Amino acid sequence: MKTIDLEKAIKPLSEYAKDVNKEILVLKSKNKAVAAIVSLKNVDKESICLSTNPEFLEIIENSRKEFKLGKKVSLNAMKKEISKM
């Protein structure tokens, strides 16, 4: 991962981004990460949309919390539930 401090950057962003296939480029302002430039090679549009969707991210976070609390469903139980539909 490469970090660029926007206050100290002297080249155009396009120059820094040339190696984005090799590593993630994190842009910082006032020592805080504000954006990242990543390669989209082999990434589909749906994955990008889901990974930045607040509603989807909340669903994932809630699922992780439930899992930690022991609220799990086996694959067989899930298949049985789906077959009832």
PDB file of N, CA and C in Angstrom:
ATOM      1  N   MET A   1       0.851  -1.167   0.000  1.00  0.00           N
ATOM      2  CA  MET A   1       0.000   0.000   0.000  1.00  0.00           C
ATOM      3  C   MET A   1       0.900   1.234   0.000  1.00  0.00           C
ATOM      4  N   LYS A   2       0.547   2.183  -0.842  1.00  0.00           N
ATOM      5  CA  LYS A   2       1.299   3.420  -0.949  1.00  0.00           C
ATOM      6  C   LYS A   2       0.421   4.565  -0.439  1.00  0.00           C
ATOM      7  N   THR A   3       1.016   5.474   0.306  1.00  0.00           N
ATOM      8  CA  THR A   3       0.275   6.600   0.870  1.00  0.00           C
ATOM      9  C   THR A   3       0.784   7.914   0.269  1.00  0.00           C
ATOM     10  N   ILE A   4      -0.145   8.757  -0.120  1.00  0.00           N
ATOM     11  CA  ILE A   4       0.189  10.071  -0.665  1.00  0.00           C
ATOM     12  C   ILE A   4      -0.451  11.139   0.214  1.00  0.00           C
ATOM     13  N   ASP A   5       0.358  12.021   0.741  1.00  0.00           N
ATOM     14  CA  ASP A   5      -0.138  13.154   1.525  1.00  0.00           C
ATOM     15  C   ASP A   5      -0.510  14.252   0.537  1.00  0.00           C
ATOM     16  N   LEU A   6      -1.783  14.578   0.438  1.00  0.00           N
ATOM     17  CA  LEU A   6      -2.253  15.534  -0.563  1.00  0.00           C
ATOM     18  C   LEU A   6      -1.638  16.922  -0.391  1.00  0.00           C
ATOM     19  N   GLU A   7      -1.323  17.305   0.832  1.00  0.00           N
ATOM     20  CA  GLU A   7      -0.722  18.620   1.058  1.00  0.00           C
ATOM     21  C   GLU A   7       0.719  18.687   0.550  1.00  0.00           C
ATOM     22  N   LYS A   8       1.364  17.526   0.420  1.00  0.00           N
ATOM     23  CA  LYS A   8       2.761  17.490  -0.013  1.00  0.00           C
ATOM     24  C   LYS A   8       2.936  16.963  -1.434  1.00  0.00           C
ATOM     25  N   ALA A   9       1.859  16.516  -2.060  1.00  0.00           N
ATOM     26  CA  ALA A   9       1.944  15.934  -3.402  1.00  0.00           C
ATOM     27  C   ALA A   9       2.390  16.997  -4.399  1.00  0.00           C
ATOM     28  N   ILE A  10       3.344  16.632  -5.244  1.00  0.00           N
ATOM     29  CA  ILE A  10       3.853  17.598  -6.224  1.00  0.00           C
ATOM     30  C   ILE A  10       3.555  17.175  -7.663  1.00  0.00           C
ATOM     31  N   LYS A  11       3.177  15.914  -7.860  1.00  0.00           N
ATOM     32  CA  LYS A  11       2.861  15.424  -9.198  1.00  0.00           C
ATOM     33  C   LYS A  11       1.351  15.326  -9.364  1.00  0.00           C
ATOM     34  N   PRO A  12       0.886  15.302 -10.606  1.00  0.00           N
ATOM     35  CA  PRO A  12      -0.555  15.067 -10.837  1.00  0.00           C
ATOM     36  C   PRO A  12      -0.945  13.682 -10.320  1.00  0.00           C
ATOM     37  N   LEU A  13      -2.176  13.538  -9.915  1.00  0.00           N
ATOM     38  CA  LEU A  13      -2.677  12.270  -9.396  1.00  0.00           C
ATOM     39  C   LEU A  13      -2.476  11.135 -10.404  1.00  0.00           C
ATOM     40  N   SER A  14      -2.596  11.443 -11.665  1.00  0.00           N
ATOM     41  CA  SER A  14      -2.426  10.420 -12.695  1.00  0.00           C
ATOM     42  C   SER A  14      -1.027   9.805 -12.653  1.00  0.00           C
ATOM     43  N   GLU A  15      -0.036  10.572 -12.276  1.00  0.00           N
ATOM     44  CA  GLU A  15       1.333  10.049 -12.159  1.00  0.00           C
ATOM     45  C   GLU A  15       1.437   9.064 -10.997  1.00  0.00           C
ATOM     46  N   TYR A  16       0.845   9.418  -9.870  1.00  0.00           N
ATOM     47  CA  TYR A  16       0.873   8.528  -8.704  1.00  0.00           C
ATOM     48  C   TYR A  16       0.086   7.243  -8.979  1.00  0.00           C
ATOM     49  N   ALA A  17      -0.984   7.364  -9.756  1.00  0.00           N
ATOM     50  CA  ALA A  17      -1.890   6.236  -9.980  1.00  0.00           C
ATOM     51  C   ALA A  17      -1.393   5.245 -11.024  1.00  0.00           C
ATOM     52  N   LYS A  18      -0.287   5.514 -11.673  1.00  0.00           N
ATOM     53  CA  LYS A  18       0.210   4.618 -12.723  1.00  0.00           C
ATOM     54  C   LYS A  18       0.480   3.205 -12.215  1.00  0.00           C
ATOM     55  N   ASP A  19       0.881   3.060 -10.979  1.00  0.00           N
ATOM     56  CA  ASP A  19       1.207   1.750 -10.424  1.00  0.00           C
ATOM     57  C   ASP A  19       0.074   1.149  -9.608  1.00  0.00           C
ATOM     58  N   VAL A  20      -1.155   1.604  -9.830  1.00  0.00           N
ATOM     59  CA  VAL A  20      -2.282   1.144  -9.028  1.00  0.00           C
ATOM     60  C   VAL A  20      -2.542  -0.350  -9.199  1.00  0.00           C
ATOM     61  N   ASN A  21      -2.074  -0.959 -10.274  1.00  0.00           N
ATOM     62  CA  ASN A  21      -2.235  -2.409 -10.445  1.00  0.00           C
ATOM     63  C   ASN A  21      -1.357  -3.186  -9.482  1.00  0.00           C
ATOM     64  N   LYS A  22      -0.299  -2.553  -8.985  1.00  0.00           N
ATOM     65  CA  LYS A  22       0.642  -3.218  -8.090  1.00  0.00           C
ATOM     66  C   LYS A  22       0.261  -3.052  -6.624  1.00  0.00           C
ATOM     67  N   GLU A  23      -0.348  -1.932  -6.268  1.00  0.00           N
ATOM     68  CA  GLU A  23      -0.681  -1.675  -4.871  1.00  0.00           C
ATOM     69  C   GLU A  23      -1.796  -0.641  -4.761  1.00  0.00           C
ATOM     70  N   ILE A  24      -2.416  -0.593  -3.601  1.00  0.00           N
ATOM     71  CA  ILE A  24      -3.468   0.384  -3.333  1.00  0.00           C
ATOM     72  C   ILE A  24      -2.807   1.731  -3.061  1.00  0.00           C
ATOM     73  N   LEU A  25      -3.413   2.779  -3.556  1.00  0.00           N
ATOM     74  CA  LEU A  25      -2.921   4.132  -3.333  1.00  0.00           C
ATOM     75  C   LEU A  25      -3.893   4.834  -2.382  1.00  0.00           C
ATOM     76  N   VAL A  26      -3.426   5.162  -1.177  1.00  0.00           N
ATOM     77  CA  VAL A  26      -4.259   5.822  -0.172  1.00  0.00           C
ATOM     78  C   VAL A  26      -3.926   7.308  -0.163  1.00  0.00           C
ATOM     79  N   LEU A  27      -4.949   8.139  -0.284  1.00  0.00           N
ATOM     80  CA  LEU A  27      -4.771   9.585  -0.264  1.00  0.00           C
ATOM     81  C   LEU A  27      -5.089  10.095   1.138  1.00  0.00           C
ATOM     82  N   LYS A  28      -4.167  10.896   1.674  1.00  0.00           N
ATOM     83  CA  LYS A  28      -4.342  11.414   3.032  1.00  0.00           C
ATOM     84  C   LYS A  28      -4.386  12.936   3.017  1.00  0.00           C
ATOM     85  N   SER A  29      -5.179  13.492   3.905  1.00  0.00           N
ATOM     86  CA  SER A  29      -5.240  14.929   4.108  1.00  0.00           C
ATOM     87  C   SER A  29      -5.220  15.177   5.607  1.00  0.00           C
ATOM     88  N   LYS A  30      -4.309  16.014   6.034  1.00  0.00           N
ATOM     89  CA  LYS A  30      -4.142  16.303   7.461  1.00  0.00           C
ATOM     90  C   LYS A  30      -3.946  15.008   8.248  1.00  0.00           C
ATOM     91  N   ASN A  31      -3.130  14.129   7.681  1.00  0.00           N
ATOM     92  CA  ASN A  31      -2.750  12.848   8.294  1.00  0.00           C
ATOM     93  C   ASN A  31      -3.913  11.869   8.482  1.00  0.00           C
ATOM     94  N   LYS A  32      -4.989  12.078   7.727  1.00  0.00           N
ATOM     95  CA  LYS A  32      -6.146  11.190   7.801  1.00  0.00           C
ATOM     96  C   LYS A  32      -6.469  10.670   6.395  1.00  0.00           C
ATOM     97  N   ALA A  33      -6.684   9.365   6.284  1.00  0.00           N
ATOM     98  CA  ALA A  33      -7.046   8.785   4.992  1.00  0.00           C
ATOM     99  C   ALA A  33      -8.395   9.329   4.544  1.00  0.00           C
ATOM    100  N   VAL A  34      -8.451   9.827   3.310  1.00  0.00           N
ATOM    101  CA  VAL A  34      -9.690  10.403   2.791  1.00  0.00           C
ATOM    102  C   VAL A  34     -10.217   9.664   1.566  1.00  0.00           C
ATOM    103  N   ALA A  35      -9.335   8.911   0.891  1.00  0.00           N
ATOM    104  CA  ALA A  35      -9.754   8.169  -0.292  1.00  0.00           C
ATOM    105  C   ALA A  35      -8.704   7.113  -0.611  1.00  0.00           C
ATOM    106  N   ALA A  36      -9.117   6.170  -1.435  1.00  0.00           N
ATOM    107  CA  ALA A  36      -8.185   5.151  -1.900  1.00  0.00           C
ATOM    108  C   ALA A  36      -8.430   4.915  -3.379  1.00  0.00           C
ATOM    109  N   ILE A  37      -7.355   4.692  -4.088  1.00  0.00           N
ATOM    110  CA  ILE A  37      -7.445   4.346  -5.501  1.00  0.00           C
ATOM    111  C   ILE A  37      -6.970   2.905  -5.619  1.00  0.00           C
ATOM    112  N   VAL A  38      -7.854   2.062  -6.138  1.00  0.00           N
ATOM    113  CA  VAL A  38      -7.546   0.641  -6.253  1.00  0.00           C
ATOM    114  C   VAL A  38      -7.807   0.182  -7.682  1.00  0.00           C
ATOM    115  N   SER A  39      -7.118  -0.838  -8.080  1.00  0.00           N
ATOM    116  CA  SER A  39      -7.328  -1.417  -9.401  1.00  0.00           C
ATOM    117  C   SER A  39      -8.694  -2.092  -9.455  1.00  0.00           C
ATOM    118  N   LEU A  40      -9.365  -1.925 -10.561  1.00  0.00           N
ATOM    119  CA  LEU A  40     -10.655  -2.583 -10.764  1.00  0.00           C
ATOM    120  C   LEU A  40     -10.526  -3.759 -11.721  1.00  0.00           C
ATOM    121  N   LYS A  41      -9.298  -4.157 -11.968  1.00  0.00           N
ATOM    122  CA  LYS A  41      -9.053  -5.311 -12.825  1.00  0.00           C
ATOM    123  C   LYS A  41      -9.667  -6.544 -12.165  1.00  0.00           C
ATOM    124  N   ASN A  42     -10.460  -7.274 -12.909  1.00  0.00           N
ATOM    125  CA  ASN A  42     -11.127  -8.500 -12.439  1.00  0.00           C
ATOM    126  C   ASN A  42     -12.157  -8.240 -11.337  1.00  0.00           C
ATOM    127  N   VAL A  43     -12.707  -7.045 -11.274  1.00  0.00           N
ATOM    128  CA  VAL A  43     -13.752  -6.724 -10.297  1.00  0.00           C
ATOM    129  C   VAL A  43     -15.009  -6.324 -11.068  1.00  0.00           C
ATOM    130  N   ASP A  44     -16.141  -6.938 -10.709  1.00  0.00           N
ATOM    131  CA  ASP A  44     -17.372  -6.604 -11.415  1.00  0.00           C
ATOM    132  C   ASP A  44     -18.088  -5.434 -10.748  1.00  0.00           C
ATOM    133  N   LYS A  45     -18.979  -4.824 -11.506  1.00  0.00           N
ATOM    134  CA  LYS A  45     -19.706  -3.636 -11.055  1.00  0.00           C
ATOM    135  C   LYS A  45     -20.514  -3.915  -9.782  1.00  0.00           C
ATOM    136  N   GLU A  46     -21.122  -5.094  -9.688  1.00  0.00           N
ATOM    137  CA  GLU A  46     -21.946  -5.432  -8.532  1.00  0.00           C
ATOM    138  C   GLU A  46     -21.115  -5.469  -7.245  1.00  0.00           C
ATOM    139  N   SER A  47     -19.911  -6.011  -7.334  1.00  0.00           N
ATOM    140  CA  SER A  47     -19.035  -6.074  -6.157  1.00  0.00           C
ATOM    141  C   SER A  47     -18.673  -4.682  -5.665  1.00  0.00           C
ATOM    142  N   ILE A  48     -18.403  -3.791  -6.588  1.00  0.00           N
ATOM    143  CA  ILE A  48     -18.066  -2.413  -6.214  1.00  0.00           C
ATOM    144  C   ILE A  48     -19.261  -1.740  -5.545  1.00  0.00           C
ATOM    145  N   CYS A  49     -20.428  -1.905  -6.158  1.00  0.00           N
ATOM    146  CA  CYS A  49     -21.634  -1.276  -5.609  1.00  0.00           C
ATOM    147  C   CYS A  49     -21.955  -1.797  -4.213  1.00  0.00           C
ATOM    148  N   LEU A  50     -21.878  -3.111  -4.023  1.00  0.00           N
ATOM    149  CA  LEU A  50     -22.184  -3.688  -2.713  1.00  0.00           C
ATOM    150  C   LEU A  50     -21.166  -3.280  -1.654  1.00  0.00           C
ATOM    151  N   SER A  51     -19.905  -3.242  -2.032  1.00  0.00           N
ATOM    152  CA  SER A  51     -18.863  -2.954  -1.041  1.00  0.00           C
ATOM    153  C   SER A  51     -18.898  -1.514  -0.534  1.00  0.00           C
ATOM    154  N   THR A  52     -19.640  -0.661  -1.200  1.00  0.00           N
ATOM    155  CA  THR A  52     -19.743   0.735  -0.753  1.00  0.00           C
ATOM    156  C   THR A  52     -21.165   1.118  -0.363  1.00  0.00           C
ATOM    157  N   ASN A  53     -22.086   0.159  -0.361  1.00  0.00           N
ATOM    158  CA  ASN A  53     -23.483   0.433  -0.049  1.00  0.00           C
ATOM    159  C   ASN A  53     -23.702   0.369   1.467  1.00  0.00           C
ATOM    160  N   PRO A  54     -24.063   1.490   2.103  1.00  0.00           N
ATOM    161  CA  PRO A  54     -24.226   1.515   3.557  1.00  0.00           C
ATOM    162  C   PRO A  54     -25.258   0.508   4.076  1.00  0.00           C
ATOM    163  N   GLU A  55     -26.341   0.314   3.348  1.00  0.00           N
ATOM    164  CA  GLU A  55     -27.379  -0.626   3.773  1.00  0.00           C
ATOM    165  C   GLU A  55     -26.842  -2.061   3.770  1.00  0.00           C
ATOM    166  N   PHE A  56     -26.120  -2.427   2.719  1.00  0.00           N
ATOM    167  CA  PHE A  56     -25.537  -3.763   2.638  1.00  0.00           C
ATOM    168  C   PHE A  56     -24.480  -3.957   3.727  1.00  0.00           C
ATOM    169  N   LEU A  57     -23.650  -2.947   3.942  1.00  0.00           N
ATOM    170  CA  LEU A  57     -22.616  -3.042   4.972  1.00  0.00           C
ATOM    171  C   LEU A  57     -23.223  -3.205   6.364  1.00  0.00           C
ATOM    172  N   GLU A  58     -24.373  -2.575   6.596  1.00  0.00           N
ATOM    173  CA  GLU A  58     -25.066  -2.725   7.876  1.00  0.00           C
ATOM    174  C   GLU A  58     -25.590  -4.159   8.040  1.00  0.00           C
ATOM    175  N   ILE A  59     -26.120  -4.731   6.963  1.00  0.00           N
ATOM    176  CA  ILE A  59     -26.594  -6.124   7.003  1.00  0.00           C
ATOM    177  C   ILE A  59     -25.434  -7.047   7.357  1.00  0.00           C
ATOM    178  N   ILE A  60     -24.290  -6.848   6.734  1.00  0.00           N
ATOM    179  CA  ILE A  60     -23.114  -7.679   7.000  1.00  0.00           C
ATOM    180  C   ILE A  60     -22.671  -7.525   8.454  1.00  0.00           C
ATOM    181  N   GLU A  61     -22.622  -6.300   8.942  1.00  0.00           N
ATOM    182  CA  GLU A  61     -22.192  -6.050  10.326  1.00  0.00           C
ATOM    183  C   GLU A  61     -23.153  -6.705  11.317  1.00  0.00           C
ATOM    184  N   ASN A  62     -24.455  -6.579  11.067  1.00  0.00           N
ATOM    185  CA  ASN A  62     -25.443  -7.210  11.950  1.00  0.00           C
ATOM    186  C   ASN A  62     -25.302  -8.730  11.932  1.00  0.00           C
ATOM    187  N   SER A  63     -25.040  -9.290  10.762  1.00  0.00           N
ATOM    188  CA  SER A  63     -24.847 -10.742  10.657  1.00  0.00           C
ATOM    189  C   SER A  63     -23.620 -11.193  11.440  1.00  0.00           C
ATOM    190  N   ARG A  64     -22.551 -10.421  11.383  1.00  0.00           N
ATOM    191  CA  ARG A  64     -21.341 -10.757  12.136  1.00  0.00           C
ATOM    192  C   ARG A  64     -21.600 -10.717  13.642  1.00  0.00           C
ATOM    193  N   LYS A  65     -22.363  -9.732  14.086  1.00  0.00           N
ATOM    194  CA  LYS A  65     -22.691  -9.631  15.516  1.00  0.00           C
ATOM    195  C   LYS A  65     -23.520 -10.834  15.956  1.00  0.00           C
ATOM    196  N   GLU A  66     -24.512 -11.207  15.147  1.00  0.00           N
ATOM    197  CA  GLU A  66     -25.347 -12.365  15.474  1.00  0.00           C
ATOM    198  C   GLU A  66     -24.519 -13.646  15.518  1.00  0.00           C
ATOM    199  N   PHE A  67     -23.603 -13.776  14.598  1.00  0.00           N
ATOM    200  CA  PHE A  67     -22.747 -14.962  14.565  1.00  0.00           C
ATOM    201  C   PHE A  67     -21.915 -15.056  15.840  1.00  0.00           C
ATOM    202  N   LYS A  68     -21.364 -13.922  16.262  1.00  0.00           N
ATOM    203  CA  LYS A  68     -20.561 -13.897  17.493  1.00  0.00           C
ATOM    204  C   LYS A  68     -21.400 -14.251  18.716  1.00  0.00           C
ATOM    205  N   LEU A  69     -22.672 -13.915  18.656  1.00  0.00           N
ATOM    206  CA  LEU A  69     -23.578 -14.229  19.771  1.00  0.00           C
ATOM    207  C   LEU A  69     -24.099 -15.662  19.710  1.00  0.00           C
ATOM    208  N   GLY A  70     -23.655 -16.400  18.711  1.00  0.00           N
ATOM    209  CA  GLY A  70     -24.068 -17.799  18.598  1.00  0.00           C
ATOM    210  C   GLY A  70     -25.335 -18.016  17.806  1.00  0.00           C
ATOM    211  N   LYS A  71     -25.851 -16.981  17.195  1.00  0.00           N
ATOM    212  CA  LYS A  71     -27.071 -17.121  16.393  1.00  0.00           C
ATOM    213  C   LYS A  71     -26.679 -17.592  14.995  1.00  0.00           C
ATOM    214  N   LYS A  72     -26.586 -18.911  14.861  1.00  0.00           N
ATOM    215  CA  LYS A  72     -26.148 -19.504  13.604  1.00  0.00           C
ATOM    216  C   LYS A  72     -27.211 -20.465  13.099  1.00  0.00           C
ATOM    217  N   VAL A  73     -27.214 -20.696  11.798  1.00  0.00           N
ATOM    218  CA  VAL A  73     -28.102 -21.669  11.174  1.00  0.00           C
ATOM    219  C   VAL A  73     -27.226 -22.579  10.324  1.00  0.00           C
ATOM    220  N   SER A  74     -27.395 -23.888  10.495  1.00  0.00           N
ATOM    221  CA  SER A  74     -26.603 -24.826   9.699  1.00  0.00           C
ATOM    222  C   SER A  74     -27.058 -24.779   8.252  1.00  0.00           C
ATOM    223  N   LEU A  75     -26.201 -25.248   7.362  1.00  0.00           N
ATOM    224  CA  LEU A  75     -26.540 -25.292   5.945  1.00  0.00           C
ATOM    225  C   LEU A  75     -27.761 -26.180   5.714  1.00  0.00           C
ATOM    226  N   ASN A  76     -27.816 -27.328   6.392  1.00  0.00           N
ATOM    227  CA  ASN A  76     -28.963 -28.230   6.234  1.00  0.00           C
ATOM    228  C   ASN A  76     -30.261 -27.578   6.699  1.00  0.00           C
ATOM    229  N   ALA A  77     -30.210 -26.877   7.816  1.00  0.00           N
ATOM    230  CA  ALA A  77     -31.405 -26.191   8.312  1.00  0.00           C
ATOM    231  C   ALA A  77     -31.847 -25.109   7.336  1.00  0.00           C
ATOM    232  N   MET A  78     -30.896 -24.419   6.755  1.00  0.00           N
ATOM    233  CA  MET A  78     -31.219 -23.371   5.796  1.00  0.00           C
ATOM    234  C   MET A  78     -31.851 -23.977   4.543  1.00  0.00           C
ATOM    235  N   LYS A  79     -31.297 -25.104   4.077  1.00  0.00           N
ATOM    236  CA  LYS A  79     -31.863 -25.775   2.900  1.00  0.00           C
ATOM    237  C   LYS A  79     -33.304 -26.221   3.158  1.00  0.00           C
ATOM    238  N   LYS A  80     -33.553 -26.745   4.370  1.00  0.00           N
ATOM    239  CA  LYS A  80     -34.913 -27.176   4.728  1.00  0.00           C
ATOM    240  C   LYS A  80     -35.875 -25.996   4.726  1.00  0.00           C
ATOM    241  N   GLU A  81     -35.402 -24.880   5.273  1.00  0.00           N
ATOM    242  CA  GLU A  81     -36.238 -23.670   5.334  1.00  0.00           C
ATOM    243  C   GLU A  81     -36.554 -23.166   3.938  1.00  0.00           C
ATOM    244  N   ILE A  82     -35.578 -23.183   3.059  1.00  0.00           N
ATOM    245  CA  ILE A  82     -35.786 -22.702   1.698  1.00  0.00           C
ATOM    246  C   ILE A  82     -36.705 -23.640   0.922  1.00  0.00           C
ATOM    247  N   SER A  83     -36.582 -24.919   1.152  1.00  0.00           N
ATOM    248  CA  SER A  83     -37.420 -25.888   0.424  1.00  0.00           C
ATOM    249  C   SER A  83     -38.891 -25.757   0.802  1.00  0.00           C
ATOM    250  N   LYS A  84     -39.198 -25.188   1.970  1.00  0.00           N
ATOM    251  CA  LYS A  84     -40.582 -24.977   2.383  1.00  0.00           C
ATOM    252  C   LYS A  84     -41.245 -23.854   1.609  1.00  0.00           C
ATOM    253  N   MET A  85     -40.471 -23.007   1.011  1.00  0.00           N
ATOM    254  CA  MET A  85     -41.016 -21.828   0.310  1.00  0.00           C
ATOM    255  C   MET A  85     -41.663 -22.167  -0.973  1.00  0.00           C
TER     256      MET A  85
END
